[in-house]
Amino acid sequence: MLNLNHSIISGISISVPKNIEQNNLSQKEKNYIGVSSRYFDNTNSVKTSDLCFLSAREIIRTLKWDKKDIKYIIFVSQTRDFIFPSTSCILQNKLGLNKDVLAYDIPLGCSGFIYGLFNSFILSEKTKGKGLLLLGDMSSKFVDLKDRQNRILFGDAGAAVAVDFSKRKNSSYFLFGTDGSGSEYIKYDSDQFNKKSGGKFTMKGGNVFNYMVKKIPEQINFLLNKSKNSSKKIDYYVFHQASKFLIEKIANKLGIKEKKILMSLASFGNTNSASIPVTLFKSKKKIKNSKIVLSGFGVGLSWGSAVINTKNILFTKLNKV
């Protein structure tokens, strides 16, 4: 278990494409997937960096941050603008940040928020300064529109999470896991440097479900035990919005009451790396001054969980591109 004591989330801003797609679900799909609608770019003109840029700009304005005080920018995404250069560098320039800012990309999906938050908390503690954690994925760029099973599940979104140094002790706890033997379970077989024709997204949902429904409850129980937190002390749980059925099964194994589970799946879908901050945004009125368990899991296979405290997080309105 990894423990940090002097970093906080100060603000969150979410951006989505303007287009909303409604799902006409069967009863079985409502029970298993649970996505009524989601934001989905149908113009093929919006980039992930566009969503994250707008989110970052708005949260900087809302918090009234001086850009000169921003020490780092981390961009977490599977749909970066290019293989190289890093999208974080592009965003540094677009946002007008200092040239001595630390900037890098993390190409993770479902677990990306936990990894990005851990990196951000470390950097804020070490620099005693502010930073931007930008996360987003545009599934519209890789999901086959003829593939109904995946199209009705995934949505597009970008998030900016403002992280700052806290003089007062504010403990957070993290655990991570990786199992590359499951790398074939969720995969985009792209051409990139492999000289393959076209790219195809495949997901063996049953394999992922069977793995994570066992692994995540084990990790969260271990994390709570090691951090000396009982489930009674936890106000809310926010899971990666993989599917309604998987979240419910994980919650059942943990013995969590339904009122403690925060969801955004119904109106945003599975937004990959942005799904946890999107869910925090969706429940912004509930989470003021709360102790929350966060857990992201999926492609890699990669997973991570955290216990954090929320202290008066500021939110912008929902931004649309």
Protein backbone atom coordinates (compact mmCIF):
# COMPACT_ATOMS: atom_id res chain seq x y z
CA MET A 1 0.00 0.00 0.00
CA LEU A 2 1.18 3.51 -0.88
CA ASN A 3 0.30 6.45 1.36
CA LEU A 4 0.36 10.20 0.64
CA ASN A 5 -0.59 12.93 3.09
CA HIS A 6 -0.53 16.41 1.59
CA SER A 7 -2.47 16.55 -1.69
CA ILE A 8 -6.10 17.34 -2.47
CA ILE A 9 -8.49 17.52 -5.42
CA SER A 10 -9.48 21.20 -5.70
CA GLY A 11 -11.78 21.07 -8.71
CA ILE A 12 -13.24 18.99 -11.54
CA SER A 13 -14.52 19.99 -14.96
CA ILE A 14 -16.10 17.66 -17.55
CA SER A 15 -16.47 18.16 -21.32
CA VAL A 16 -18.41 16.09 -23.84
CA PRO A 17 -19.34 16.24 -27.53
CA LYS A 18 -22.66 17.95 -28.27
CA ASN A 19 -24.25 14.87 -29.83
CA ILE A 20 -26.29 12.60 -27.55
CA GLU A 21 -27.18 9.08 -28.67
CA GLN A 22 -30.16 7.39 -27.06
CA ASN A 23 -30.12 3.63 -26.51
CA ASN A 24 -33.18 1.54 -27.22
CA LEU A 25 -32.42 -1.23 -24.76
CA SER A 26 -34.01 -4.58 -24.17
CA GLN A 27 -34.78 -5.47 -20.55
CA LYS A 28 -31.70 -7.71 -20.48
CA GLU A 29 -29.50 -4.87 -21.76
CA LYS A 30 -30.95 -2.52 -19.12
CA ASN A 31 -30.04 -5.01 -16.40
CA TYR A 32 -26.56 -5.86 -17.69
CA ILE A 33 -25.33 -2.68 -19.38
CA GLY A 34 -27.48 0.07 -17.89
CA VAL A 35 -26.68 2.83 -20.39
CA SER A 36 -29.75 4.83 -21.46
CA SER A 37 -27.82 7.50 -23.37
CA ARG A 38 -24.28 8.71 -23.91
CA TYR A 39 -22.37 11.53 -25.55
CA PHE A 40 -20.85 10.27 -28.80
CA ASP A 41 -19.07 12.38 -31.43
CA ASN A 42 -20.67 11.82 -34.84
CA THR A 43 -18.62 14.40 -36.70
CA ASN A 44 -15.18 12.77 -36.40
CA SER A 45 -13.82 16.27 -35.84
CA VAL A 46 -13.48 16.41 -32.05
CA LYS A 47 -10.20 15.25 -30.52
CA THR A 48 -9.66 14.05 -26.96
CA SER A 49 -7.38 17.04 -26.42
CA ASP A 50 -10.25 19.37 -27.41
CA LEU A 51 -12.38 17.99 -24.57
CA CYS A 52 -9.54 18.14 -22.06
CA PHE A 53 -8.45 21.62 -23.15
CA LEU A 54 -11.93 23.01 -22.57
CA SER A 55 -12.18 21.26 -19.19
CA ALA A 56 -8.75 22.56 -18.14
CA ARG A 57 -9.51 26.12 -19.25
CA GLU A 58 -12.79 26.18 -17.34
CA ILE A 59 -11.45 24.72 -14.10
CA ILE A 60 -8.52 27.19 -14.12
CA ARG A 61 -11.06 30.02 -14.48
CA THR A 62 -13.34 28.62 -11.78
CA LEU A 63 -10.53 28.20 -9.26
CA LYS A 64 -8.98 31.55 -10.31
CA TRP A 65 -5.59 29.88 -10.59
CA ASP A 66 -2.60 31.81 -11.87
CA LYS A 67 -1.21 29.70 -14.73
CA LYS A 68 2.30 30.52 -13.53
CA ASP A 69 1.62 28.43 -10.40
CA ILE A 70 0.83 25.23 -12.33
CA LYS A 71 3.77 22.86 -11.94
CA TYR A 72 2.70 19.87 -14.04
CA ILE A 73 0.23 18.50 -16.54
CA ILE A 74 -0.54 14.79 -16.88
CA PHE A 75 -2.65 13.51 -19.77
CA VAL A 76 -4.23 10.05 -19.39
CA SER A 77 -5.82 8.55 -22.50
CA GLN A 78 -5.94 5.66 -24.95
CA THR A 79 -7.05 8.03 -27.72
CA ARG A 80 -4.22 10.53 -27.67
CA ASP A 81 -4.00 12.92 -30.63
CA PHE A 82 -0.86 11.25 -31.99
CA ILE A 83 1.48 8.36 -31.22
CA PHE A 84 3.99 11.17 -30.76
CA PRO A 85 4.40 13.97 -29.74
CA SER A 86 2.79 13.59 -26.32
CA THR A 87 -0.62 15.25 -26.13
CA SER A 88 0.37 16.76 -22.78
CA CYS A 89 2.95 18.87 -24.63
CA ILE A 90 0.31 20.07 -27.11
CA LEU A 91 -2.00 21.00 -24.23
CA GLN A 92 0.78 22.83 -22.36
CA ASN A 93 1.12 25.13 -25.35
CA LYS A 94 -2.63 25.57 -25.95
CA LEU A 95 -3.22 26.42 -22.29
CA GLY A 96 -0.34 28.89 -22.20
CA LEU A 97 1.47 27.23 -19.31
CA ASN A 98 5.08 27.89 -18.34
CA LYS A 99 7.77 26.16 -20.36
CA ASP A 100 9.32 24.71 -17.19
CA VAL A 101 6.15 22.72 -16.47
CA LEU A 102 6.46 18.93 -16.13
CA ALA A 103 4.29 17.25 -18.80
CA TYR A 104 3.77 13.62 -19.80
CA ASP A 105 1.16 11.16 -21.07
CA ILE A 106 -0.06 7.95 -19.46
CA PRO A 107 -1.64 5.64 -22.10
CA LEU A 108 -4.01 3.80 -19.76
CA GLY A 109 -7.77 3.38 -19.98
CA CYS A 110 -10.09 1.95 -17.33
CA SER A 111 -7.55 2.14 -14.48
CA GLY A 112 -6.07 5.43 -15.71
CA PHE A 113 -7.66 7.77 -13.20
CA ILE A 114 -6.20 5.94 -10.20
CA TYR A 115 -2.72 5.89 -11.76
CA GLY A 116 -3.01 9.52 -12.82
CA LEU A 117 -4.26 10.66 -9.42
CA PHE A 118 -1.41 8.88 -7.65
CA ASN A 119 1.15 10.54 -9.94
CA SER A 120 -0.53 13.92 -9.42
CA PHE A 121 -0.64 13.59 -5.65
CA ILE A 122 3.08 12.71 -5.60
CA LEU A 123 3.98 15.71 -7.75
CA SER A 124 1.89 18.14 -5.71
CA GLU A 125 3.52 16.90 -2.50
CA LYS A 126 7.03 17.14 -3.95
CA THR A 127 6.58 20.53 -5.64
CA LYS A 128 4.22 21.88 -2.98
CA GLY A 129 2.25 23.18 -5.92
CA LYS A 130 -0.69 22.94 -8.27
CA GLY A 131 -1.16 20.60 -11.22
CA LEU A 132 -3.62 19.45 -13.86
CA LEU A 133 -4.65 15.83 -14.31
CA LEU A 134 -6.36 15.61 -17.69
CA LEU A 135 -8.15 12.43 -18.68
CA GLY A 136 -10.30 11.46 -21.62
CA ASP A 137 -11.19 8.88 -24.19
CA MET A 138 -13.22 9.02 -27.36
CA SER A 139 -14.59 5.57 -27.99
CA SER A 140 -16.24 6.95 -31.14
CA LYS A 141 -12.79 6.77 -32.71
CA PHE A 142 -12.35 3.01 -32.29
CA VAL A 143 -15.74 1.34 -31.72
CA ASP A 144 -17.22 -0.25 -34.84
CA LEU A 145 -20.56 1.50 -35.33
CA LYS A 146 -22.03 -1.80 -36.52
CA ASP A 147 -21.01 -3.46 -33.25
CA ARG A 148 -24.15 -2.86 -31.20
CA GLN A 149 -22.87 -4.51 -28.02
CA ASN A 150 -20.01 -2.03 -27.67
CA ARG A 151 -21.63 0.99 -29.29
CA ILE A 152 -24.45 1.13 -26.71
CA LEU A 153 -21.92 0.86 -23.87
CA PHE A 154 -19.22 3.42 -24.61
CA GLY A 155 -19.34 7.22 -24.53
CA ASP A 156 -16.95 10.13 -25.14
CA ALA A 157 -15.78 12.50 -22.39
CA GLY A 158 -12.81 14.52 -21.20
CA ALA A 159 -12.02 15.63 -17.65
CA ALA A 160 -9.75 18.11 -15.91
CA VAL A 161 -8.96 17.39 -12.28
CA ALA A 162 -7.18 20.20 -10.45
CA VAL A 163 -4.79 18.91 -7.77
CA ASP A 164 -3.10 21.05 -5.15
CA PHE A 165 -0.73 20.80 -2.20
CA SER A 166 -2.35 20.76 1.24
CA LYS A 167 -0.50 22.08 4.28
CA ARG A 168 -2.93 20.21 6.48
CA LYS A 169 -2.62 16.45 6.60
CA ASN A 170 -5.00 14.81 4.15
CA SER A 171 -4.24 11.11 3.94
CA SER A 172 -4.83 9.07 0.79
CA TYR A 173 -4.05 5.41 0.16
CA PHE A 174 -3.39 3.55 -3.09
CA LEU A 175 -3.01 -0.02 -4.32
CA PHE A 176 -2.28 -1.20 -7.87
CA GLY A 177 -2.25 -4.39 -9.90
CA THR A 178 -1.24 -5.64 -13.34
CA ASP A 179 -1.69 -8.92 -15.20
CA GLY A 180 -0.51 -8.81 -18.80
CA SER A 181 -1.64 -12.39 -19.40
CA GLY A 182 -5.06 -10.80 -19.98
CA SER A 183 -3.82 -8.31 -22.57
CA GLU A 184 -5.94 -9.95 -25.27
CA TYR A 185 -9.18 -9.43 -23.35
CA ILE A 186 -9.55 -5.75 -24.35
CA LYS A 187 -7.58 -4.74 -27.40
CA TYR A 188 -7.44 -2.35 -30.32
CA ASP A 189 -5.41 -4.13 -32.97
CA SER A 190 -4.15 -0.99 -34.72
CA ASP A 191 -1.65 -0.50 -37.53
CA GLN A 192 0.66 1.94 -35.66
CA PHE A 193 4.14 0.43 -36.09
CA ASN A 194 3.01 -3.14 -36.76
CA LYS A 195 2.12 -2.46 -40.40
CA LYS A 196 -1.24 -4.15 -40.06
CA SER A 197 -4.11 -3.07 -42.25
CA GLY A 198 -6.85 -1.22 -40.38
CA GLY A 199 -7.59 -1.38 -36.70
CA LYS A 200 -10.17 -3.45 -34.87
CA PHE A 201 -11.49 -3.15 -31.32
CA THR A 202 -12.29 -6.40 -29.53
CA MET A 203 -13.42 -7.02 -25.97
CA LYS A 204 -13.90 -10.36 -24.25
CA GLY A 205 -16.28 -9.01 -21.65
CA GLY A 206 -16.88 -12.32 -19.93
CA ASN A 207 -13.17 -12.82 -19.28
CA VAL A 208 -12.82 -9.32 -17.85
CA PHE A 209 -15.93 -9.77 -15.71
CA ASN A 210 -14.76 -13.08 -14.21
CA TYR A 211 -11.32 -11.65 -13.41
CA MET A 212 -12.37 -8.33 -11.90
CA VAL A 213 -15.39 -9.56 -9.93
CA LYS A 214 -12.91 -11.54 -7.86
CA LYS A 215 -9.86 -9.24 -7.93
CA ILE A 216 -11.43 -5.87 -7.08
CA PRO A 217 -13.27 -6.88 -3.87
CA GLU A 218 -10.06 -8.57 -2.68
CA GLN A 219 -8.02 -5.43 -3.35
CA ILE A 220 -10.50 -3.05 -1.74
CA ASN A 221 -10.81 -5.18 1.39
CA PHE A 222 -7.01 -5.34 1.64
CA LEU A 223 -6.74 -1.58 1.12
CA LEU A 224 -9.32 -0.80 3.80
CA ASN A 225 -7.61 -3.13 6.23
CA LYS A 226 -4.12 -1.77 5.64
CA SER A 227 -5.27 1.87 5.77
CA LYS A 228 -7.19 1.14 9.00
CA ASN A 229 -10.50 2.14 7.44
CA SER A 230 -13.64 0.10 7.94
CA SER A 231 -16.43 -0.01 5.40
CA LYS A 232 -18.58 1.92 7.89
CA LYS A 233 -16.18 4.88 7.61
CA ILE A 234 -16.57 5.03 3.82
CA ASP A 235 -19.27 7.43 2.64
CA TYR A 236 -19.26 6.44 -1.04
CA TYR A 237 -17.74 4.05 -3.56
CA VAL A 238 -16.96 5.07 -7.13
CA PHE A 239 -16.08 2.27 -9.53
CA HIS A 240 -14.98 2.54 -13.12
CA GLN A 241 -18.26 2.55 -15.02
CA ALA A 242 -17.65 -0.73 -16.82
CA SER A 243 -21.22 -2.05 -16.80
CA LYS A 244 -24.17 -2.03 -14.42
CA PHE A 245 -23.99 -5.77 -13.82
CA LEU A 246 -20.26 -5.83 -13.01
CA ILE A 247 -20.53 -2.89 -10.60
CA GLU A 248 -23.47 -4.50 -8.83
CA LYS A 249 -21.65 -7.82 -8.46
CA ILE A 250 -18.54 -6.17 -7.04
CA ALA A 251 -20.69 -4.16 -4.63
CA ASN A 252 -22.56 -7.30 -3.55
CA LYS A 253 -19.30 -9.10 -2.80
CA LEU A 254 -18.19 -6.14 -0.69
CA GLY A 255 -21.55 -5.92 1.08
CA ILE A 256 -22.03 -2.27 0.08
CA LYS A 257 -25.43 -0.65 0.42
CA GLU A 258 -26.83 0.68 -2.86
CA LYS A 259 -27.02 4.25 -1.52
CA LYS A 260 -23.23 4.30 -1.15
CA ILE A 261 -22.58 3.44 -4.82
CA LEU A 262 -22.24 6.45 -7.13
CA MET A 263 -23.05 5.97 -10.83
CA SER A 264 -22.90 7.95 -14.08
CA LEU A 265 -23.34 5.01 -16.44
CA ALA A 266 -26.99 5.66 -17.37
CA SER A 267 -26.41 9.09 -18.93
CA PHE A 268 -22.70 9.02 -19.89
CA GLY A 269 -21.93 5.37 -20.63
CA ASN A 270 -18.48 3.87 -20.10
CA THR A 271 -16.09 6.78 -20.64
CA ASN A 272 -12.92 4.79 -19.92
CA SER A 273 -10.25 6.90 -18.16
CA ALA A 274 -12.73 9.72 -17.51
CA SER A 275 -15.44 7.55 -15.93
CA ILE A 276 -14.51 8.13 -12.27
CA PRO A 277 -14.22 11.96 -12.48
CA VAL A 278 -17.43 11.98 -14.58
CA THR A 279 -19.16 10.03 -11.79
CA LEU A 280 -17.83 12.42 -9.13
CA PHE A 281 -19.18 15.29 -11.25
CA LYS A 282 -22.57 13.58 -11.57
CA SER A 283 -22.76 13.26 -7.76
CA LYS A 284 -21.17 16.62 -6.91
CA LYS A 285 -23.91 17.56 -4.42
CA LYS A 286 -23.36 14.36 -2.43
CA ILE A 287 -19.59 14.13 -2.08
CA LYS A 288 -18.78 17.32 -0.17
CA ASN A 289 -16.39 16.45 2.69
CA SER A 290 -16.62 12.69 2.17
CA LYS A 291 -14.35 9.68 2.51
CA ILE A 292 -14.51 7.80 -0.79
CA VAL A 293 -13.17 4.54 -2.22
CA LEU A 294 -12.23 4.80 -5.90
CA SER A 295 -11.50 1.79 -8.09
CA GLY A 296 -10.54 1.57 -11.77
CA PHE A 297 -10.04 -1.70 -13.65
CA GLY A 298 -9.89 -3.12 -17.14
CA VAL A 299 -7.68 -2.99 -20.24
CA GLY A 300 -4.15 -4.26 -19.61
CA LEU A 301 -5.19 -5.98 -17.52
CA SER A 302 -4.62 -3.14 -15.09
CA TRP A 303 -6.38 -2.07 -11.91
CA GLY A 304 -6.01 0.26 -8.97
CA SER A 305 -7.98 1.40 -5.93
CA ALA A 306 -7.69 4.35 -3.58
CA VAL A 307 -9.16 5.85 -0.43
CA ILE A 308 -9.34 9.65 -0.56
CA ASN A 309 -11.02 12.50 1.30
CA THR A 310 -12.91 15.16 -0.64
CA LYS A 311 -12.69 18.68 0.74
CA ASN A 312 -15.00 21.23 -0.90
CA ILE A 313 -14.26 20.32 -4.51
CA LEU A 314 -15.39 23.01 -6.95
CA PHE A 315 -17.12 21.92 -10.16
CA THR A 316 -17.82 23.77 -13.39
CA LYS A 317 -20.95 23.30 -15.48
CA LEU A 318 -20.91 20.50 -18.07
CA ASN A 319 -19.00 21.80 -21.10
CA LYS A 320 -19.93 20.78 -24.65
CA VAL A 321 -17.75 20.88 -27.77
